[in-house]
Amino acid sequence: TAAEVDPVLRELRTNAIEVTALHNHMLRDQPRLFFMHFWGHDDAA
């Protein structure tokens, strides 16, 4: 949701996980949803 975007983005970057995209997937969704894609390559744990 919109309120979760900034906290999640900050948490990913704090943990050195790349944020690669942020966008919608639907046009008339309720609640309004945003999709945040990520990438990392490191120790799995």
PDB file of all heavy atoms in Angstrom:
ATOM      1  N   THR A   1       0.852  -1.173   0.000  1.00  0.00           N
ATOM      2  CA  THR A   1       0.000   0.000   0.000  1.00  0.00           C
ATOM      3  C   THR A   1       0.898   1.237   0.000  1.00  0.00           C
ATOM      4  O   THR A   1       2.109   1.147   0.245  1.00  0.00           O
ATOM      5  CB  THR A   1      -0.901   0.022   1.240  1.00  0.00           C
ATOM      6  OG1 THR A   1      -0.074   0.051   2.414  1.00  0.00           O
ATOM      7  CG2 THR A   1      -1.814  -1.188   1.275  1.00  0.00           C
ATOM      8  N   ALA A   2       0.316   2.393  -0.263  1.00  0.00           N
ATOM      9  CA  ALA A   2       1.101   3.620  -0.340  1.00  0.00           C
ATOM     10  C   ALA A   2       1.874   3.879   0.948  1.00  0.00           C
ATOM     11  O   ALA A   2       3.038   4.308   0.920  1.00  0.00           O
ATOM     12  CB  ALA A   2       0.193   4.801  -0.658  1.00  0.00           C
ATOM     13  N   ALA A   3       1.248   3.599   2.094  1.00  0.00           N
ATOM     14  CA  ALA A   3       1.895   3.862   3.376  1.00  0.00           C
ATOM     15  C   ALA A   3       3.088   2.948   3.629  1.00  0.00           C
ATOM     16  O   ALA A   3       3.961   3.276   4.447  1.00  0.00           O
ATOM     17  CB  ALA A   3       0.885   3.711   4.507  1.00  0.00           C
ATOM     18  N   GLU A   4       3.139   1.818   2.934  1.00  0.00           N
ATOM     19  CA  GLU A   4       4.229   0.853   3.159  1.00  0.00           C
ATOM     20  C   GLU A   4       5.426   1.079   2.249  1.00  0.00           C
ATOM     21  O   GLU A   4       6.508   0.541   2.502  1.00  0.00           O
ATOM     22  CB  GLU A   4       3.694  -0.575   2.948  1.00  0.00           C
ATOM     23  CG  GLU A   4       2.652  -0.998   3.968  1.00  0.00           C
ATOM     24  CD  GLU A   4       1.945  -2.289   3.582  1.00  0.00           C
ATOM     25  OE1 GLU A   4       2.035  -2.694   2.398  1.00  0.00           O
ATOM     26  OE2 GLU A   4       1.284  -2.885   4.457  1.00  0.00           O
ATOM     27  N   VAL A   5       5.255   1.847   1.182  1.00  0.00           N
ATOM     28  CA  VAL A   5       6.304   1.977   0.180  1.00  0.00           C
ATOM     29  C   VAL A   5       7.604   2.503   0.788  1.00  0.00           C
ATOM     30  O   VAL A   5       8.682   1.899   0.629  1.00  0.00           O
ATOM     31  CB  VAL A   5       5.842   2.882  -0.983  1.00  0.00           C
ATOM     32  CG1 VAL A   5       7.031   3.258  -1.877  1.00  0.00           C
ATOM     33  CG2 VAL A   5       4.775   2.171  -1.812  1.00  0.00           C
ATOM     34  N   ASP A   6       7.552   3.631   1.460  1.00  0.00           N
ATOM     35  CA  ASP A   6       8.778   4.233   1.981  1.00  0.00           C
ATOM     36  C   ASP A   6       9.444   3.373   3.054  1.00  0.00           C
ATOM     37  O   ASP A   6      10.665   3.156   2.992  1.00  0.00           O
ATOM     38  CB  ASP A   6       8.493   5.636   2.510  1.00  0.00           C
ATOM     39  CG  ASP A   6       9.765   6.361   2.918  1.00  0.00           C
ATOM     40  OD1 ASP A   6      10.573   6.678   2.025  1.00  0.00           O
ATOM     41  OD2 ASP A   6       9.962   6.589   4.127  1.00  0.00           O
ATOM     42  N   PRO A   7       8.718   2.838   4.044  1.00  0.00           N
ATOM     43  CA  PRO A   7       9.373   1.987   5.039  1.00  0.00           C
ATOM     44  C   PRO A   7      10.059   0.761   4.439  1.00  0.00           C
ATOM     45  O   PRO A   7      11.165   0.391   4.857  1.00  0.00           O
ATOM     46  CB  PRO A   7       8.233   1.582   5.977  1.00  0.00           C
ATOM     47  CG  PRO A   7       7.224   2.656   5.830  1.00  0.00           C
ATOM     48  CD  PRO A   7       7.303   3.088   4.401  1.00  0.00           C
ATOM     49  N   VAL A   8       9.417   0.109   3.460  1.00  0.00           N
ATOM     50  CA  VAL A   8      10.004  -1.078   2.852  1.00  0.00           C
ATOM     51  C   VAL A   8      11.229  -0.703   2.022  1.00  0.00           C
ATOM     52  O   VAL A   8      12.272  -1.374   2.081  1.00  0.00           O
ATOM     53  CB  VAL A   8       8.963  -1.822   1.998  1.00  0.00           C
ATOM     54  CG1 VAL A   8       9.619  -2.903   1.140  1.00  0.00           C
ATOM     55  CG2 VAL A   8       7.901  -2.431   2.901  1.00  0.00           C
ATOM     56  N   LEU A   9      11.132   0.359   1.247  1.00  0.00           N
ATOM     57  CA  LEU A   9      12.270   0.804   0.447  1.00  0.00           C
ATOM     58  C   LEU A   9      13.475   1.084   1.342  1.00  0.00           C
ATOM     59  O   LEU A   9      14.608   0.656   1.042  1.00  0.00           O
ATOM     60  CB  LEU A   9      11.871   2.041  -0.351  1.00  0.00           C
ATOM     61  CG  LEU A   9      12.839   2.533  -1.426  1.00  0.00           C
ATOM     62  CD1 LEU A   9      12.078   3.248  -2.530  1.00  0.00           C
ATOM     63  CD2 LEU A   9      13.898   3.457  -0.855  1.00  0.00           C
ATOM     64  N   ARG A  10      13.256   1.786   2.435  1.00  0.00           N
ATOM     65  CA  ARG A  10      14.358   2.122   3.341  1.00  0.00           C
ATOM     66  C   ARG A  10      14.953   0.870   3.981  1.00  0.00           C
ATOM     67  O   ARG A  10      16.177   0.757   4.143  1.00  0.00           O
ATOM     68  CB  ARG A  10      13.869   3.095   4.414  1.00  0.00           C
ATOM     69  CG  ARG A  10      13.548   4.485   3.869  1.00  0.00           C
ATOM     70  CD  ARG A  10      12.970   5.400   4.949  1.00  0.00           C
ATOM     71  NE  ARG A  10      12.630   6.696   4.391  1.00  0.00           N
ATOM     72  CZ  ARG A  10      13.498   7.702   4.272  1.00  0.00           C
ATOM     73  NH1 ARG A  10      14.755   7.552   4.685  1.00  0.00           N
ATOM     74  NH2 ARG A  10      13.107   8.857   3.749  1.00  0.00           N
ATOM     75  N   GLU A  11      14.109  -0.095   4.327  1.00  0.00           N
ATOM     76  CA  GLU A  11      14.600  -1.321   4.948  1.00  0.00           C
ATOM     77  C   GLU A  11      15.450  -2.130   3.965  1.00  0.00           C
ATOM     78  O   GLU A  11      16.499  -2.678   4.334  1.00  0.00           O
ATOM     79  CB  GLU A  11      13.423  -2.154   5.447  1.00  0.00           C
ATOM     80  CG  GLU A  11      13.771  -3.148   6.526  1.00  0.00           C
ATOM     81  CD  GLU A  11      14.192  -2.495   7.842  1.00  0.00           C
ATOM     82  OE1 GLU A  11      13.397  -1.751   8.418  1.00  0.00           O
ATOM     83  OE2 GLU A  11      15.342  -2.764   8.273  1.00  0.00           O
ATOM     84  N   LEU A  12      15.002  -2.209   2.718  1.00  0.00           N
ATOM     85  CA  LEU A  12      15.786  -2.936   1.711  1.00  0.00           C
ATOM     86  C   LEU A  12      17.149  -2.286   1.504  1.00  0.00           C
ATOM     87  O   LEU A  12      18.179  -2.961   1.469  1.00  0.00           O
ATOM     88  CB  LEU A  12      15.005  -2.997   0.392  1.00  0.00           C
ATOM     89  CG  LEU A  12      13.757  -3.888   0.384  1.00  0.00           C
ATOM     90  CD1 LEU A  12      13.010  -3.731  -0.936  1.00  0.00           C
ATOM     91  CD2 LEU A  12      14.120  -5.353   0.617  1.00  0.00           C
ATOM     92  N   ARG A  13      17.178  -0.983   1.368  1.00  0.00           N
ATOM     93  CA  ARG A  13      18.451  -0.298   1.135  1.00  0.00           C
ATOM     94  C   ARG A  13      19.373  -0.383   2.357  1.00  0.00           C
ATOM     95  O   ARG A  13      20.584  -0.521   2.224  1.00  0.00           O
ATOM     96  CB  ARG A  13      18.204   1.164   0.758  1.00  0.00           C
ATOM     97  CG  ARG A  13      17.501   1.350  -0.584  1.00  0.00           C
ATOM     98  CD  ARG A  13      18.259   0.656  -1.746  1.00  0.00           C
ATOM     99  NE  ARG A  13      19.617   1.172  -1.882  1.00  0.00           N
ATOM    100  CZ  ARG A  13      20.710   0.410  -1.958  1.00  0.00           C
ATOM    101  NH1 ARG A  13      20.636  -0.906  -1.914  1.00  0.00           N
ATOM    102  NH2 ARG A  13      21.883   0.968  -2.085  1.00  0.00           N
ATOM    103  N   THR A  14      18.800  -0.331   3.557  1.00  0.00           N
ATOM    104  CA  THR A  14      19.604  -0.485   4.772  1.00  0.00           C
ATOM    105  C   THR A  14      20.306  -1.835   4.787  1.00  0.00           C
ATOM    106  O   THR A  14      21.429  -1.960   5.304  1.00  0.00           O
ATOM    107  CB  THR A  14      18.705  -0.342   6.022  1.00  0.00           C
ATOM    108  OG1 THR A  14      18.173   0.977   6.060  1.00  0.00           O
ATOM    109  CG2 THR A  14      19.477  -0.619   7.300  1.00  0.00           C
ATOM    110  N   ASN A  15      19.671  -2.838   4.206  1.00  0.00           N
ATOM    111  CA  ASN A  15      20.228  -4.191   4.159  1.00  0.00           C
ATOM    112  C   ASN A  15      20.940  -4.491   2.839  1.00  0.00           C
ATOM    113  O   ASN A  15      21.150  -5.661   2.493  1.00  0.00           O
ATOM    114  CB  ASN A  15      19.121  -5.209   4.415  1.00  0.00           C
ATOM    115  CG  ASN A  15      18.692  -5.234   5.870  1.00  0.00           C
ATOM    116  OD1 ASN A  15      19.320  -5.878   6.692  1.00  0.00           O
ATOM    117  ND2 ASN A  15      17.620  -4.511   6.196  1.00  0.00           N
ATOM    118  N   ALA A  16      21.309  -3.438   2.094  1.00  0.00           N
ATOM    119  CA  ALA A  16      22.104  -3.553   0.866  1.00  0.00           C
ATOM    120  C   ALA A  16      21.432  -4.397  -0.202  1.00  0.00           C
ATOM    121  O   ALA A  16      22.091  -5.050  -1.016  1.00  0.00           O
ATOM    122  CB  ALA A  16      23.503  -4.115   1.185  1.00  0.00           C
ATOM    123  N   ILE A  17      20.093  -4.379  -0.204  1.00  0.00           N
ATOM    124  CA  ILE A  17      19.322  -5.031  -1.273  1.00  0.00           C
ATOM    125  C   ILE A  17      18.884  -3.942  -2.243  1.00  0.00           C
ATOM    126  O   ILE A  17      18.325  -2.923  -1.827  1.00  0.00           O
ATOM    127  CB  ILE A  17      18.112  -5.778  -0.697  1.00  0.00           C
ATOM    128  CG1 ILE A  17      18.592  -6.933   0.203  1.00  0.00           C
ATOM    129  CG2 ILE A  17      17.218  -6.313  -1.817  1.00  0.00           C
ATOM    130  CD1 ILE A  17      17.475  -7.601   0.977  1.00  0.00           C
ATOM    131  N   GLU A  18      19.170  -4.139  -3.526  1.00  0.00           N
ATOM    132  CA  GLU A  18      18.833  -3.130  -4.530  1.00  0.00           C
ATOM    133  C   GLU A  18      17.331  -3.067  -4.763  1.00  0.00           C
ATOM    134  O   GLU A  18      16.658  -4.105  -4.847  1.00  0.00           O
ATOM    135  CB  GLU A  18      19.507  -3.449  -5.865  1.00  0.00           C
ATOM    136  CG  GLU A  18      21.006  -3.326  -5.876  1.00  0.00           C
ATOM    137  CD  GLU A  18      21.569  -3.529  -7.271  1.00  0.00           C
ATOM    138  OE1 GLU A  18      20.840  -3.312  -8.260  1.00  0.00           O
ATOM    139  OE2 GLU A  18      22.741  -3.929  -7.369  1.00  0.00           O
ATOM    140  N   VAL A  19      16.812  -1.863  -4.879  1.00  0.00           N
ATOM    141  CA  VAL A  19      15.447  -1.654  -5.362  1.00  0.00           C
ATOM    142  C   VAL A  19      15.547  -1.351  -6.850  1.00  0.00           C
ATOM    143  O   VAL A  19      16.216  -0.394  -7.256  1.00  0.00           O
ATOM    144  CB  VAL A  19      14.761  -0.507  -4.605  1.00  0.00           C
ATOM    145  CG1 VAL A  19      13.391  -0.206  -5.214  1.00  0.00           C
ATOM    146  CG2 VAL A  19      14.630  -0.845  -3.125  1.00  0.00           C
ATOM    147  N   THR A  20      14.936  -2.168  -7.677  1.00  0.00           N
ATOM    148  CA  THR A  20      15.133  -2.078  -9.129  1.00  0.00           C
ATOM    149  C   THR A  20      13.951  -1.472  -9.869  1.00  0.00           C
ATOM    150  O   THR A  20      14.097  -1.051 -11.015  1.00  0.00           O
ATOM    151  CB  THR A  20      15.421  -3.473  -9.707  1.00  0.00           C
ATOM    152  OG1 THR A  20      14.313  -4.344  -9.431  1.00  0.00           O
ATOM    153  CG2 THR A  20      16.682  -4.066  -9.083  1.00  0.00           C
ATOM    154  N   ALA A  21      12.776  -1.426  -9.234  1.00  0.00           N
ATOM    155  CA  ALA A  21      11.601  -0.836  -9.896  1.00  0.00           C
ATOM    156  C   ALA A  21      10.506  -0.618  -8.866  1.00  0.00           C
ATOM    157  O   ALA A  21      10.408  -1.345  -7.871  1.00  0.00           O
ATOM    158  CB  ALA A  21      11.097  -1.733 -11.022  1.00  0.00           C
ATOM    159  N   LEU A  22       9.685   0.383  -9.123  1.00  0.00           N
ATOM    160  CA  LEU A  22       8.516   0.679  -8.290  1.00  0.00           C
ATOM    161  C   LEU A  22       7.411   1.172  -9.206  1.00  0.00           C
ATOM    162  O   LEU A  22       7.588   2.178  -9.903  1.00  0.00           O
ATOM    163  CB  LEU A  22       8.850   1.749  -7.239  1.00  0.00           C
ATOM    164  CG  LEU A  22       7.679   2.272  -6.400  1.00  0.00           C
ATOM    165  CD1 LEU A  22       7.071   1.163  -5.547  1.00  0.00           C
ATOM    166  CD2 LEU A  22       8.130   3.443  -5.526  1.00  0.00           C
ATOM    167  N   HIS A  23       6.269   0.478  -9.221  1.00  0.00           N
ATOM    168  CA  HIS A  23       5.236   0.809 -10.195  1.00  0.00           C
ATOM    169  C   HIS A  23       3.926   0.096  -9.863  1.00  0.00           C
ATOM    170  O   HIS A  23       3.834  -0.648  -8.902  1.00  0.00           O
ATOM    171  CB  HIS A  23       5.692   0.408 -11.610  1.00  0.00           C
ATOM    172  CG  HIS A  23       6.328  -0.950 -11.654  1.00  0.00           C
ATOM    173  ND1 HIS A  23       7.569  -1.174 -12.210  1.00  0.00           N
ATOM    174  CD2 HIS A  23       5.922  -2.145 -11.183  1.00  0.00           C
ATOM    175  CE1 HIS A  23       7.880  -2.448 -12.096  1.00  0.00           C
ATOM    176  NE2 HIS A  23       6.903  -3.055 -11.484  1.00  0.00           N
ATOM    177  N   ASN A  24       2.919   0.342 -10.688  1.00  0.00           N
ATOM    178  CA  ASN A  24       1.639  -0.359 -10.569  1.00  0.00           C
ATOM    179  C   ASN A  24       1.629  -1.588 -11.481  1.00  0.00           C
ATOM    180  O   ASN A  24       2.417  -1.689 -12.424  1.00  0.00           O
ATOM    181  CB  ASN A  24       0.491   0.560 -10.983  1.00  0.00           C
ATOM    182  CG  ASN A  24       0.564   0.902 -12.459  1.00  0.00           C
ATOM    183  OD1 ASN A  24       1.409   1.703 -12.864  1.00  0.00           O
ATOM    184  ND2 ASN A  24      -0.297   0.313 -13.270  1.00  0.00           N
ATOM    185  N   HIS A  25       0.747  -2.519 -11.207  1.00  0.00           N
ATOM    186  CA  HIS A  25       0.465  -3.638 -12.113  1.00  0.00           C
ATOM    187  C   HIS A  25      -0.990  -3.617 -12.573  1.00  0.00           C
ATOM    188  O   HIS A  25      -1.340  -4.295 -13.531  1.00  0.00           O
ATOM    189  CB  HIS A  25       0.750  -4.985 -11.435  1.00  0.00           C
ATOM    190  CG  HIS A  25       2.201  -5.302 -11.279  1.00  0.00           C
ATOM    191  ND1 HIS A  25       2.646  -6.484 -10.720  1.00  0.00           N
ATOM    192  CD2 HIS A  25       3.321  -4.602 -11.614  1.00  0.00           C
ATOM    193  CE1 HIS A  25       3.970  -6.492 -10.701  1.00  0.00           C
ATOM    194  NE2 HIS A  25       4.397  -5.370 -11.234  1.00  0.00           N
ATOM    195  N   MET A  26      -1.843  -2.886 -11.843  1.00  0.00           N
ATOM    196  CA  MET A  26      -3.269  -2.815 -12.155  1.00  0.00           C
ATOM    197  C   MET A  26      -3.694  -1.356 -12.272  1.00  0.00           C
ATOM    198  O   MET A  26      -2.964  -0.457 -11.861  1.00  0.00           O
ATOM    199  CB  MET A  26      -4.080  -3.537 -11.066  1.00  0.00           C
ATOM    200  CG  MET A  26      -3.825  -5.036 -11.010  1.00  0.00           C
ATOM    201  SD  MET A  26      -4.637  -5.832  -9.581  1.00  0.00           S
ATOM    202  CE  MET A  26      -3.488  -5.394  -8.266  1.00  0.00           C
ATOM    203  N   LEU A  27      -4.880  -1.130 -12.808  1.00  0.00           N
ATOM    204  CA  LEU A  27      -5.372   0.226 -13.022  1.00  0.00           C
ATOM    205  C   LEU A  27      -6.499   0.616 -12.078  1.00  0.00           C
ATOM    206  O   LEU A  27      -6.660   1.787 -11.745  1.00  0.00           O
ATOM    207  CB  LEU A  27      -5.858   0.386 -14.466  1.00  0.00           C
ATOM    208  CG  LEU A  27      -4.806   0.161 -15.560  1.00  0.00           C
ATOM    209  CD1 LEU A  27      -5.446   0.323 -16.936  1.00  0.00           C
ATOM    210  CD2 LEU A  27      -3.620   1.102 -15.394  1.00  0.00           C
ATOM    211  N   ARG A  28      -7.320  -0.344 -11.639  1.00  0.00           N
ATOM    212  CA  ARG A  28      -8.513  -0.022 -10.836  1.00  0.00           C
ATOM    213  C   ARG A  28      -8.535  -0.864  -9.565  1.00  0.00           C
ATOM    214  O   ARG A  28      -9.568  -1.364  -9.150  1.00  0.00           O
ATOM    215  CB  ARG A  28      -9.772  -0.254 -11.671  1.00  0.00           C
ATOM    216  CG  ARG A  28      -9.878   0.639 -12.903  1.00  0.00           C
ATOM    217  CD  ARG A  28     -11.116   0.319 -13.718  1.00  0.00           C
ATOM    218  NE  ARG A  28     -11.038  -1.030 -14.284  1.00  0.00           N
ATOM    219  CZ  ARG A  28     -12.069  -1.695 -14.792  1.00  0.00           C
ATOM    220  NH1 ARG A  28     -13.277  -1.119 -14.792  1.00  0.00           N
ATOM    221  NH2 ARG A  28     -11.913  -2.900 -15.290  1.00  0.00           N
ATOM    222  N   ASP A  29      -7.372  -1.016  -8.946  1.00  0.00           N
ATOM    223  CA  ASP A  29      -7.248  -1.873  -7.775  1.00  0.00           C
ATOM    224  C   ASP A  29      -7.643  -1.145  -6.497  1.00  0.00           C
ATOM    225  O   ASP A  29      -7.453   0.051  -6.354  1.00  0.00           O
ATOM    226  CB  ASP A  29      -5.826  -2.427  -7.655  1.00  0.00           C
ATOM    227  CG  ASP A  29      -4.754  -1.362  -7.880  1.00  0.00           C
ATOM    228  OD1 ASP A  29      -5.014  -0.423  -8.642  1.00  0.00           O
ATOM    229  OD2 ASP A  29      -3.666  -1.469  -7.284  1.00  0.00           O
ATOM    230  N   GLN A  30      -8.201  -1.910  -5.573  1.00  0.00           N
ATOM    231  CA  GLN A  30      -8.529  -1.444  -4.227  1.00  0.00           C
ATOM    232  C   GLN A  30      -8.120  -2.534  -3.243  1.00  0.00           C
ATOM    233  O   GLN A  30      -8.529  -3.675  -3.392  1.00  0.00           O
ATOM    234  CB  GLN A  30     -10.026  -1.134  -4.111  1.00  0.00           C
ATOM    235  CG  GLN A  30     -10.477   0.078  -4.877  1.00  0.00           C
ATOM    236  CD  GLN A  30      -9.894   1.369  -4.318  1.00  0.00           C
ATOM    237  OE1 GLN A  30      -9.616   1.464  -3.110  1.00  0.00           O
ATOM    238  NE2 GLN A  30      -9.698   2.359  -5.176  1.00  0.00           N
ATOM    239  N   PRO A  31      -7.319  -2.220  -2.221  1.00  0.00           N
ATOM    240  CA  PRO A  31      -6.645  -0.931  -2.050  1.00  0.00           C
ATOM    241  C   PRO A  31      -5.637  -0.704  -3.175  1.00  0.00           C
ATOM    242  O   PRO A  31      -5.226  -1.650  -3.846  1.00  0.00           O
ATOM    243  CB  PRO A  31      -5.945  -1.095  -0.696  1.00  0.00           C
ATOM    244  CG  PRO A  31      -5.683  -2.564  -0.598  1.00  0.00           C
ATOM    245  CD  PRO A  31      -6.878  -3.221  -1.221  1.00  0.00           C
ATOM    246  N   ARG A  32      -5.244   0.551  -3.380  1.00  0.00           N
ATOM    247  CA  ARG A  32      -4.245   0.868  -4.389  1.00  0.00           C
ATOM    248  C   ARG A  32      -2.937   0.202  -4.009  1.00  0.00           C
ATOM    249  O   ARG A  32      -2.436   0.376  -2.893  1.00  0.00           O
ATOM    250  CB  ARG A  32      -4.056   2.378  -4.474  1.00  0.00           C
ATOM    251  CG  ARG A  32      -3.152   2.829  -5.595  1.00  0.00           C
ATOM    252  CD  ARG A  32      -3.751   2.522  -6.930  1.00  0.00           C
ATOM    253  NE  ARG A  32      -3.056   3.185  -8.014  1.00  0.00           N
ATOM    254  CZ  ARG A  32      -2.892   2.667  -9.221  1.00  0.00           C
ATOM    255  NH1 ARG A  32      -3.379   1.471  -9.488  1.00  0.00           N
ATOM    256  NH2 ARG A  32      -2.282   3.340 -10.163  1.00  0.00           N
ATOM    257  N   LEU A  33      -2.377  -0.584  -4.927  1.00  0.00           N
ATOM    258  CA  LEU A  33      -1.188  -1.373  -4.631  1.00  0.00           C
ATOM    259  C   LEU A  33      -0.013  -0.945  -5.508  1.00  0.00           C
ATOM    260  O   LEU A  33      -0.187  -0.631  -6.691  1.00  0.00           O
ATOM    261  CB  LEU A  33      -1.468  -2.865  -4.838  1.00  0.00           C
ATOM    262  CG  LEU A  33      -2.534  -3.473  -3.914  1.00  0.00           C
ATOM    263  CD1 LEU A  33      -2.814  -4.908  -4.313  1.00  0.00           C
ATOM    264  CD2 LEU A  33      -2.110  -3.393  -2.455  1.00  0.00           C
ATOM    265  N   PHE A  34       1.164  -0.965  -4.908  1.00  0.00           N
ATOM    266  CA  PHE A  34       2.407  -0.659  -5.605  1.00  0.00           C
ATOM    267  C   PHE A  34       3.314  -1.878  -5.521  1.00  0.00           C
ATOM    268  O   PHE A  34       3.324  -2.593  -4.515  1.00  0.00           O
ATOM    269  CB  PHE A  34       3.088   0.567  -4.984  1.00  0.00           C
ATOM    270  CG  PHE A  34       2.251   1.810  -5.068  1.00  0.00           C
ATOM    271  CD1 PHE A  34       1.288   2.079  -4.106  1.00  0.00           C
ATOM    272  CD2 PHE A  34       2.403   2.700  -6.124  1.00  0.00           C
ATOM    273  CE1 PHE A  34       0.496   3.217  -4.187  1.00  0.00           C
ATOM    274  CE2 PHE A  34       1.613   3.833  -6.216  1.00  0.00           C
ATOM    275  CZ  PHE A  34       0.667   4.092  -5.245  1.00  0.00           C
ATOM    276  N   PHE A  35       4.091  -2.108  -6.581  1.00  0.00           N
ATOM    277  CA  PHE A  35       4.919  -3.295  -6.678  1.00  0.00           C
ATOM    278  C   PHE A  35       6.385  -2.859  -6.709  1.00  0.00           C
ATOM    279  O   PHE A  35       6.804  -2.133  -7.609  1.00  0.00           O
ATOM    280  CB  PHE A  35       4.550  -4.094  -7.931  1.00  0.00           C
ATOM    281  CG  PHE A  35       3.149  -4.663  -7.859  1.00  0.00           C
ATOM    282  CD1 PHE A  35       2.039  -3.839  -8.021  1.00  0.00           C
ATOM    283  CD2 PHE A  35       2.945  -6.008  -7.600  1.00  0.00           C
ATOM    284  CE1 PHE A  35       0.749  -4.348  -7.929  1.00  0.00           C
ATOM    285  CE2 PHE A  35       1.653  -6.527  -7.519  1.00  0.00           C
ATOM    286  CZ  PHE A  35       0.555  -5.695  -7.682  1.00  0.00           C
ATOM    287  N   MET A  36       7.129  -3.306  -5.700  1.00  0.00           N
ATOM    288  CA  MET A  36       8.529  -2.928  -5.562  1.00  0.00           C
ATOM    289  C   MET A  36       9.411  -4.145  -5.845  1.00  0.00           C
ATOM    290  O   MET A  36       9.406  -5.117  -5.090  1.00  0.00           O
ATOM    291  CB  MET A  36       8.807  -2.386  -4.156  1.00  0.00           C
ATOM    292  CG  MET A  36      10.221  -1.854  -3.968  1.00  0.00           C
ATOM    293  SD  MET A  36      10.499  -1.247  -2.283  1.00  0.00           S
ATOM    294  CE  MET A  36       9.374   0.160  -2.233  1.00  0.00           C
ATOM    295  N   HIS A  37      10.163  -4.064  -6.935  1.00  0.00           N
ATOM    296  CA  HIS A  37      11.046  -5.160  -7.331  1.00  0.00           C
ATOM    297  C   HIS A  37      12.440  -4.952  -6.752  1.00  0.00           C
ATOM    298  O   HIS A  37      12.859  -3.809  -6.520  1.00  0.00           O
ATOM    299  CB  HIS A  37      11.089  -5.266  -8.851  1.00  0.00           C
ATOM    300  CG  HIS A  37       9.755  -5.624  -9.441  1.00  0.00           C
ATOM    301  ND1 HIS A  37       9.383  -6.909  -9.710  1.00  0.00           N
ATOM    302  CD2 HIS A  37       8.698  -4.844  -9.769  1.00  0.00           C
ATOM    303  CE1 HIS A  37       8.152  -6.922 -10.201  1.00  0.00           C
ATOM    304  NE2 HIS A  37       7.712  -5.678 -10.234  1.00  0.00           N
ATOM    305  N   PHE A  38      13.147  -6.035  -6.535  1.00  0.00           N
ATOM    306  CA  PHE A  38      14.430  -5.968  -5.847  1.00  0.00           C
ATOM    307  C   PHE A  38      15.407  -6.994  -6.427  1.00  0.00           C
ATOM    308  O   PHE A  38      15.019  -7.913  -7.153  1.00  0.00           O
ATOM    309  CB  PHE A  38      14.234  -6.217  -4.341  1.00  0.00           C
ATOM    310  CG  PHE A  38      13.594  -7.557  -4.035  1.00  0.00           C
ATOM    311  CD1 PHE A  38      14.360  -8.697  -3.872  1.00  0.00           C
ATOM    312  CD2 PHE A  38      12.211  -7.667  -3.925  1.00  0.00           C
ATOM    313  CE1 PHE A  38      13.782  -9.925  -3.602  1.00  0.00           C
ATOM    314  CE2 PHE A  38      11.613  -8.891  -3.658  1.00  0.00           C
ATOM    315  CZ  PHE A  38      12.403 -10.027  -3.497  1.00  0.00           C
ATOM    316  N   TRP A  39      16.679  -6.811  -6.077  1.00  0.00           N
ATOM    317  CA  TRP A  39      17.738  -7.725  -6.520  1.00  0.00           C
ATOM    318  C   TRP A  39      18.839  -7.741  -5.475  1.00  0.00           C
ATOM    319  O   TRP A  39      19.159  -6.702  -4.866  1.00  0.00           O
ATOM    320  CB  TRP A  39      18.316  -7.294  -7.868  1.00  0.00           C
ATOM    321  CG  TRP A  39      19.569  -8.029  -8.254  1.00  0.00           C
ATOM    322  CD1 TRP A  39      20.870  -7.616  -8.095  1.00  0.00           C
ATOM    323  CD2 TRP A  39      19.651  -9.327  -8.854  1.00  0.00           C
ATOM    324  NE1 TRP A  39      21.741  -8.563  -8.558  1.00  0.00           N
ATOM    325  CE2 TRP A  39      21.023  -9.632  -9.028  1.00  0.00           C
ATOM    326  CE3 TRP A  39      18.705 -10.258  -9.257  1.00  0.00           C
ATOM    327  CZ2 TRP A  39      21.462 -10.831  -9.595  1.00  0.00           C
ATOM    328  CZ3 TRP A  39      19.140 -11.447  -9.821  1.00  0.00           C
ATOM    329  CH2 TRP A  39      20.503 -11.721  -9.986  1.00  0.00           C
ATOM    330  N   GLY A  40      19.413  -8.903  -5.261  1.00  0.00           N
ATOM    331  CA  GLY A  40      20.583  -9.037  -4.411  1.00  0.00           C
ATOM    332  C   GLY A  40      21.324 -10.309  -4.762  1.00  0.00           C
ATOM    333  O   GLY A  40      20.745 -11.253  -5.314  1.00  0.00           O
ATOM    334  N   HIS A  41      22.625 -10.341  -4.466  1.00  0.00           N
ATOM    335  CA  HIS A  41      23.431 -11.547  -4.675  1.00  0.00           C
ATOM    336  C   HIS A  41      24.467 -11.601  -3.559  1.00  0.00           C
ATOM    337  O   HIS A  41      25.435 -10.839  -3.564  1.00  0.00           O
ATOM    338  CB  HIS A  41      24.106 -11.530  -6.045  1.00  0.00           C
ATOM    339  CG  HIS A  41      24.846 -12.789  -6.358  1.00  0.00           C
ATOM    340  ND1 HIS A  41      25.896 -12.844  -7.247  1.00  0.00           N
ATOM    341  CD2 HIS A  41      24.691 -14.062  -5.881  1.00  0.00           C
ATOM    342  CE1 HIS A  41      26.351 -14.078  -7.317  1.00  0.00           C
ATOM    343  NE2 HIS A  41      25.634 -14.839  -6.494  1.00  0.00           N
ATOM    344  N   ASP A  42      24.222 -12.480  -2.578  1.00  0.00           N
ATOM    345  CA  ASP A  42      25.054 -12.496  -1.383  1.00  0.00           C
ATOM    346  C   ASP A  42      24.760 -13.786  -0.621  1.00  0.00           C
ATOM    347  O   ASP A  42      24.069 -14.674  -1.134  1.00  0.00           O
ATOM    348  CB  ASP A  42      24.745 -11.256  -0.532  1.00  0.00           C
ATOM    349  CG  ASP A  42      25.905 -10.834   0.372  1.00  0.00           C
ATOM    350  OD1 ASP A  42      26.706 -11.719   0.749  1.00  0.00           O
ATOM    351  OD2 ASP A  42      25.986  -9.640   0.705  1.00  0.00           O
ATOM    352  N   ASP A  43      25.258 -13.856   0.611  1.00  0.00           N
ATOM    353  CA  ASP A  43      24.940 -14.978   1.483  1.00  0.00           C
ATOM    354  C   ASP A  43      23.425 -15.075   1.650  1.00  0.00           C
ATOM    355  O   ASP A  43      22.748 -14.077   1.957  1.00  0.00           O
ATOM    356  CB  ASP A  43      25.612 -14.776   2.843  1.00  0.00           C
ATOM    357  CG  ASP A  43      25.237 -15.868   3.830  1.00  0.00           C
ATOM    358  OD1 ASP A  43      25.781 -16.976   3.731  1.00  0.00           O
ATOM    359  OD2 ASP A  43      24.368 -15.599   4.690  1.00  0.00           O
ATOM    360  N   ALA A  44      22.871 -16.256   1.436  1.00  0.00           N
ATOM    361  CA  ALA A  44      21.414 -16.416   1.405  1.00  0.00           C
ATOM    362  C   ALA A  44      20.772 -16.042   2.736  1.00  0.00           C
ATOM    363  O   ALA A  44      19.724 -15.383   2.769  1.00  0.00           O
ATOM    364  CB  ALA A  44      21.052 -17.848   1.029  1.00  0.00           C
ATOM    365  N   ALA A  45      21.379 -16.442   3.854  1.00  0.00           N
ATOM    366  CA  ALA A  45      20.797 -16.128   5.154  1.00  0.00           C
ATOM    367  C   ALA A  45      20.830 -14.625   5.414  1.00  0.00           C
ATOM    368  O   ALA A  45      19.873 -14.055   5.967  1.00  0.00           O
ATOM    369  CB  ALA A  45      21.540 -16.881   6.257  1.00  0.00           C
TER     370      ALA A  45
END
